[in-house]
Amino acid sequence: MAAWNTWLNSLHSRPLAPLVPEPQPGLEAVRGQALALLDDCKGSECERLRWRLNTAESAQDLWLLRGPVFQILSSQHCQSLATERINALAPAFRQWLPQRLVTTV
């Protein structure tokens, strides 16, 4: 029991690691641009996608959500508007991802 108490007391002296990792500096700007694409969209699928964008932990995660963003935009507006908005987002990712991954539709 003494060993258990010693171990528990040692936990107070160490700083706890955060449960949610700190976002990368500047990533919030990219996240904001991605969320802005959906400003005029509604519905439960759109709200679920907003949640996924808000909880993405890296630029790669945000980049991989382009497909679902495109689907929402094209279903609520039109395919040409969805393509235009997704292509306008690509430059925001150039500093975060390798150039070969950052392509437009």
N, C-alpha and C. Protein backbone atom coordinates (compact mmCIF):
# COMPACT_ATOMS: atom_id res chain seq x y z
N MET A 1 0.82 -1.18 0.00
CA MET A 1 0.00 0.00 0.00
C MET A 1 0.87 1.25 0.00
N ALA A 2 2.00 1.19 0.67
CA ALA A 2 2.89 2.35 0.73
C ALA A 2 3.43 2.68 -0.67
N ALA A 3 3.72 1.64 -1.44
CA ALA A 3 4.21 1.87 -2.80
C ALA A 3 3.14 2.54 -3.65
N TRP A 4 1.91 2.14 -3.44
CA TRP A 4 0.79 2.73 -4.17
C TRP A 4 0.66 4.22 -3.84
N ASN A 5 0.72 4.55 -2.58
CA ASN A 5 0.64 5.95 -2.15
C ASN A 5 1.81 6.77 -2.69
N THR A 6 2.99 6.19 -2.70
CA THR A 6 4.16 6.89 -3.23
C THR A 6 3.97 7.18 -4.71
N TRP A 7 3.46 6.20 -5.43
CA TRP A 7 3.22 6.40 -6.86
C TRP A 7 2.16 7.48 -7.10
N LEU A 8 1.07 7.44 -6.34
CA LEU A 8 0.02 8.46 -6.50
C LEU A 8 0.55 9.86 -6.20
N ASN A 9 1.35 9.98 -5.17
CA ASN A 9 1.92 11.28 -4.80
C ASN A 9 2.90 11.77 -5.86
N SER A 10 3.57 10.86 -6.56
CA SER A 10 4.53 11.26 -7.58
C SER A 10 3.82 11.86 -8.80
N LEU A 11 2.57 11.50 -9.01
CA LEU A 11 1.81 12.04 -10.13
C LEU A 11 1.56 13.54 -9.98
N HIS A 12 1.46 14.01 -8.76
CA HIS A 12 1.22 15.43 -8.53
C HIS A 12 2.42 16.30 -8.88
N SER A 13 3.60 15.73 -8.84
CA SER A 13 4.80 16.52 -9.12
C SER A 13 5.10 16.63 -10.61
N ARG A 14 4.50 15.75 -11.42
CA ARG A 14 4.74 15.80 -12.87
C ARG A 14 3.63 16.57 -13.56
N PRO A 15 3.98 17.40 -14.55
CA PRO A 15 2.91 18.07 -15.30
C PRO A 15 2.18 17.05 -16.17
N LEU A 16 0.88 17.21 -16.24
CA LEU A 16 0.07 16.29 -17.03
C LEU A 16 0.13 16.67 -18.50
N ALA A 17 0.18 15.67 -19.34
CA ALA A 17 0.16 15.91 -20.79
C ALA A 17 -1.26 16.32 -21.18
N PRO A 18 -1.38 17.26 -22.10
CA PRO A 18 -2.73 17.67 -22.51
C PRO A 18 -3.46 16.52 -23.21
N LEU A 19 -4.76 16.43 -22.97
CA LEU A 19 -5.55 15.38 -23.60
C LEU A 19 -5.74 15.65 -25.08
N VAL A 20 -5.84 16.92 -25.44
CA VAL A 20 -5.99 17.31 -26.84
C VAL A 20 -4.70 17.99 -27.26
N PRO A 21 -4.07 17.52 -28.33
CA PRO A 21 -2.81 18.14 -28.74
C PRO A 21 -3.01 19.59 -29.16
N GLU A 22 -1.98 20.40 -28.93
CA GLU A 22 -2.01 21.80 -29.34
C GLU A 22 -2.07 21.87 -30.86
N PRO A 23 -2.91 22.75 -31.40
CA PRO A 23 -2.93 22.88 -32.87
C PRO A 23 -1.64 23.50 -33.38
N GLN A 24 -1.26 23.15 -34.58
CA GLN A 24 -0.07 23.71 -35.20
C GLN A 24 -0.30 25.20 -35.42
N PRO A 25 0.74 26.03 -35.20
CA PRO A 25 0.56 27.47 -35.43
C PRO A 25 0.13 27.74 -36.87
N GLY A 26 -0.85 28.58 -37.04
CA GLY A 26 -1.33 28.92 -38.37
C GLY A 26 -2.37 27.97 -38.92
N LEU A 27 -2.51 26.82 -38.30
CA LEU A 27 -3.49 25.83 -38.77
C LEU A 27 -4.91 26.35 -38.61
N GLU A 28 -5.13 27.18 -37.60
CA GLU A 28 -6.47 27.71 -37.37
C GLU A 28 -6.95 28.58 -38.53
N ALA A 29 -6.03 29.26 -39.18
CA ALA A 29 -6.41 30.08 -40.34
C ALA A 29 -6.89 29.18 -41.48
N VAL A 30 -6.20 28.08 -41.70
CA VAL A 30 -6.61 27.14 -42.75
C VAL A 30 -7.95 26.51 -42.38
N ARG A 31 -8.11 26.16 -41.11
CA ARG A 31 -9.37 25.58 -40.65
C ARG A 31 -10.52 26.58 -40.88
N GLY A 32 -10.27 27.84 -40.57
CA GLY A 32 -11.28 28.87 -40.77
C GLY A 32 -11.67 29.02 -42.23
N GLN A 33 -10.70 28.91 -43.12
CA GLN A 33 -11.00 28.99 -44.56
C GLN A 33 -11.84 27.80 -45.00
N ALA A 34 -11.52 26.63 -44.48
CA ALA A 34 -12.28 25.43 -44.84
C ALA A 34 -13.71 25.53 -44.31
N LEU A 35 -13.86 26.02 -43.09
CA LEU A 35 -15.20 26.17 -42.52
C LEU A 35 -16.00 27.23 -43.27
N ALA A 36 -15.33 28.27 -43.74
CA ALA A 36 -16.02 29.35 -44.46
C ALA A 36 -16.65 28.84 -45.76
N LEU A 37 -16.10 27.78 -46.33
CA LEU A 37 -16.69 27.22 -47.55
C LEU A 37 -18.12 26.75 -47.32
N LEU A 38 -18.42 26.40 -46.08
CA LEU A 38 -19.73 25.83 -45.75
C LEU A 38 -20.68 26.85 -45.13
N ASP A 39 -20.32 28.12 -45.14
CA ASP A 39 -21.13 29.14 -44.48
C ASP A 39 -22.58 29.17 -44.96
N ASP A 40 -22.83 28.93 -46.21
CA ASP A 40 -24.19 29.01 -46.73
C ASP A 40 -24.82 27.62 -46.93
N CYS A 41 -24.31 26.63 -46.20
CA CYS A 41 -24.85 25.27 -46.29
C CYS A 41 -25.57 24.92 -44.98
N LYS A 42 -26.56 24.06 -45.09
CA LYS A 42 -27.36 23.68 -43.93
C LYS A 42 -27.55 22.17 -43.90
N GLY A 43 -28.05 21.70 -42.78
CA GLY A 43 -28.41 20.29 -42.66
C GLY A 43 -27.51 19.52 -41.71
N SER A 44 -27.96 18.33 -41.35
CA SER A 44 -27.23 17.52 -40.38
C SER A 44 -25.89 17.04 -40.92
N GLU A 45 -25.84 16.70 -42.21
CA GLU A 45 -24.56 16.27 -42.80
C GLU A 45 -23.54 17.41 -42.75
N CYS A 46 -24.01 18.61 -43.01
CA CYS A 46 -23.13 19.77 -42.99
C CYS A 46 -22.63 20.04 -41.56
N GLU A 47 -23.51 19.91 -40.59
CA GLU A 47 -23.10 20.11 -39.19
C GLU A 47 -22.09 19.06 -38.77
N ARG A 48 -22.28 17.83 -39.21
CA ARG A 48 -21.32 16.76 -38.91
C ARG A 48 -19.96 17.06 -39.54
N LEU A 49 -19.98 17.58 -40.75
CA LEU A 49 -18.74 17.92 -41.44
C LEU A 49 -18.05 19.10 -40.75
N ARG A 50 -18.82 20.08 -40.31
CA ARG A 50 -18.23 21.20 -39.55
C ARG A 50 -17.53 20.68 -38.30
N TRP A 51 -18.17 19.73 -37.62
CA TRP A 51 -17.56 19.15 -36.42
C TRP A 51 -16.25 18.45 -36.78
N ARG A 52 -16.25 17.70 -37.89
CA ARG A 52 -15.03 17.01 -38.32
C ARG A 52 -13.93 18.01 -38.65
N LEU A 53 -14.29 19.11 -39.30
CA LEU A 53 -13.29 20.15 -39.61
C LEU A 53 -12.76 20.78 -38.33
N ASN A 54 -13.63 21.03 -37.37
CA ASN A 54 -13.22 21.64 -36.11
C ASN A 54 -12.33 20.73 -35.27
N THR A 55 -12.49 19.44 -35.42
CA THR A 55 -11.70 18.51 -34.61
C THR A 55 -10.50 17.93 -35.34
N ALA A 56 -10.29 18.31 -36.58
CA ALA A 56 -9.12 17.84 -37.33
C ALA A 56 -7.85 18.31 -36.61
N GLU A 57 -6.89 17.43 -36.47
CA GLU A 57 -5.69 17.74 -35.69
C GLU A 57 -4.51 18.20 -36.53
N SER A 58 -4.60 18.06 -37.84
CA SER A 58 -3.46 18.43 -38.68
C SER A 58 -3.96 18.94 -40.03
N ALA A 59 -3.03 19.53 -40.76
CA ALA A 59 -3.35 20.00 -42.11
C ALA A 59 -3.73 18.83 -43.01
N GLN A 60 -3.08 17.70 -42.80
CA GLN A 60 -3.40 16.52 -43.60
C GLN A 60 -4.85 16.09 -43.36
N ASP A 61 -5.30 16.14 -42.11
CA ASP A 61 -6.68 15.78 -41.80
C ASP A 61 -7.65 16.72 -42.51
N LEU A 62 -7.34 18.02 -42.48
CA LEU A 62 -8.19 19.00 -43.15
C LEU A 62 -8.19 18.77 -44.66
N TRP A 63 -7.03 18.48 -45.22
CA TRP A 63 -6.91 18.26 -46.66
C TRP A 63 -7.75 17.06 -47.09
N LEU A 64 -7.77 16.03 -46.27
CA LEU A 64 -8.53 14.82 -46.61
C LEU A 64 -10.04 15.03 -46.52
N LEU A 65 -10.47 16.10 -45.89
CA LEU A 65 -11.90 16.40 -45.80
C LEU A 65 -12.42 17.20 -46.99
N ARG A 66 -11.56 17.47 -47.97
CA ARG A 66 -12.00 18.20 -49.15
C ARG A 66 -13.10 17.46 -49.90
N GLY A 67 -12.99 16.15 -49.98
CA GLY A 67 -14.00 15.34 -50.68
C GLY A 67 -15.39 15.52 -50.09
N PRO A 68 -15.54 15.32 -48.78
CA PRO A 68 -16.85 15.55 -48.16
C PRO A 68 -17.33 17.00 -48.30
N VAL A 69 -16.42 17.97 -48.22
CA VAL A 69 -16.80 19.38 -48.40
C VAL A 69 -17.34 19.56 -49.82
N PHE A 70 -16.64 18.99 -50.80
CA PHE A 70 -17.07 19.09 -52.20
C PHE A 70 -18.47 18.48 -52.37
N GLN A 71 -18.71 17.34 -51.74
CA GLN A 71 -20.01 16.68 -51.88
C GLN A 71 -21.14 17.53 -51.31
N ILE A 72 -20.91 18.12 -50.14
CA ILE A 72 -21.93 18.98 -49.54
C ILE A 72 -22.20 20.18 -50.43
N LEU A 73 -21.12 20.83 -50.88
CA LEU A 73 -21.28 22.02 -51.72
C LEU A 73 -21.99 21.69 -53.03
N SER A 74 -21.62 20.61 -53.66
CA SER A 74 -22.24 20.28 -54.94
C SER A 74 -23.69 19.85 -54.78
N SER A 75 -24.03 19.24 -53.64
CA SER A 75 -25.43 18.83 -53.44
C SER A 75 -26.32 20.00 -53.07
N GLN A 76 -25.76 21.02 -52.39
CA GLN A 76 -26.58 22.15 -51.97
C GLN A 76 -26.51 23.32 -52.94
N HIS A 77 -25.53 23.33 -53.81
CA HIS A 77 -25.39 24.41 -54.80
C HIS A 77 -25.25 23.78 -56.18
N CYS A 78 -24.04 23.75 -56.69
CA CYS A 78 -23.79 23.08 -57.97
C CYS A 78 -22.33 22.65 -58.01
N GLN A 79 -22.03 21.76 -58.94
CA GLN A 79 -20.69 21.21 -59.02
C GLN A 79 -19.65 22.26 -59.39
N SER A 80 -20.00 23.19 -60.25
CA SER A 80 -19.03 24.21 -60.66
C SER A 80 -18.67 25.14 -59.50
N LEU A 81 -19.65 25.48 -58.66
CA LEU A 81 -19.36 26.32 -57.48
C LEU A 81 -18.50 25.54 -56.49
N ALA A 82 -18.81 24.26 -56.31
CA ALA A 82 -18.03 23.42 -55.40
C ALA A 82 -16.58 23.34 -55.87
N THR A 83 -16.38 23.15 -57.17
CA THR A 83 -15.02 23.08 -57.73
C THR A 83 -14.29 24.40 -57.52
N GLU A 84 -14.96 25.50 -57.76
CA GLU A 84 -14.36 26.82 -57.60
C GLU A 84 -13.93 27.06 -56.15
N ARG A 85 -14.79 26.70 -55.21
CA ARG A 85 -14.46 26.92 -53.78
C ARG A 85 -13.32 26.01 -53.32
N ILE A 86 -13.35 24.75 -53.72
CA ILE A 86 -12.29 23.81 -53.32
C ILE A 86 -10.96 24.25 -53.91
N ASN A 87 -10.95 24.67 -55.17
CA ASN A 87 -9.71 25.13 -55.80
C ASN A 87 -9.17 26.39 -55.12
N ALA A 88 -10.04 27.25 -54.64
CA ALA A 88 -9.60 28.46 -53.95
C ALA A 88 -8.96 28.13 -52.60
N LEU A 89 -9.27 26.97 -52.04
CA LEU A 89 -8.70 26.55 -50.76
C LEU A 89 -7.29 25.99 -50.89
N ALA A 90 -6.93 25.48 -52.05
CA ALA A 90 -5.65 24.81 -52.25
C ALA A 90 -4.43 25.66 -51.86
N PRO A 91 -4.36 26.95 -52.21
CA PRO A 91 -3.17 27.73 -51.83
C PRO A 91 -2.92 27.80 -50.32
N ALA A 92 -3.95 27.70 -49.52
CA ALA A 92 -3.78 27.74 -48.06
C ALA A 92 -3.00 26.53 -47.54
N PHE A 93 -2.99 25.45 -48.32
CA PHE A 93 -2.32 24.23 -47.88
C PHE A 93 -0.89 24.12 -48.39
N ARG A 94 -0.46 25.01 -49.24
CA ARG A 94 0.88 24.88 -49.85
C ARG A 94 2.00 24.91 -48.83
N GLN A 95 1.84 25.63 -47.74
CA GLN A 95 2.90 25.67 -46.73
C GLN A 95 2.85 24.46 -45.80
N TRP A 96 1.76 23.71 -45.82
CA TRP A 96 1.58 22.60 -44.90
C TRP A 96 1.85 21.23 -45.50
N LEU A 97 1.64 21.10 -46.79
CA LEU A 97 1.73 19.79 -47.42
C LEU A 97 2.73 19.79 -48.56
N PRO A 98 3.27 18.62 -48.92
CA PRO A 98 4.16 18.56 -50.08
C PRO A 98 3.43 19.02 -51.35
N GLN A 99 4.14 19.68 -52.22
CA GLN A 99 3.56 20.24 -53.42
C GLN A 99 2.83 19.21 -54.27
N ARG A 100 3.33 17.99 -54.31
CA ARG A 100 2.69 16.95 -55.13
C ARG A 100 1.31 16.59 -54.64
N LEU A 101 1.01 16.87 -53.36
CA LEU A 101 -0.31 16.56 -52.83
C LEU A 101 -1.32 17.69 -53.04
N VAL A 102 -0.83 18.91 -53.14
CA VAL A 102 -1.71 20.07 -53.26
C VAL A 102 -2.04 20.29 -54.73
N THR A 103 -3.13 19.68 -55.16
CA THR A 103 -3.57 19.82 -56.54
C THR A 103 -4.98 20.37 -56.54
N THR A 104 -5.38 20.91 -57.65
CA THR A 104 -6.75 21.42 -57.78
C THR A 104 -7.57 20.43 -58.57
N VAL A 105 -8.88 20.58 -58.47
CA VAL A 105 -9.81 19.66 -59.13
C VAL A 105 -9.92 20.01 -60.60
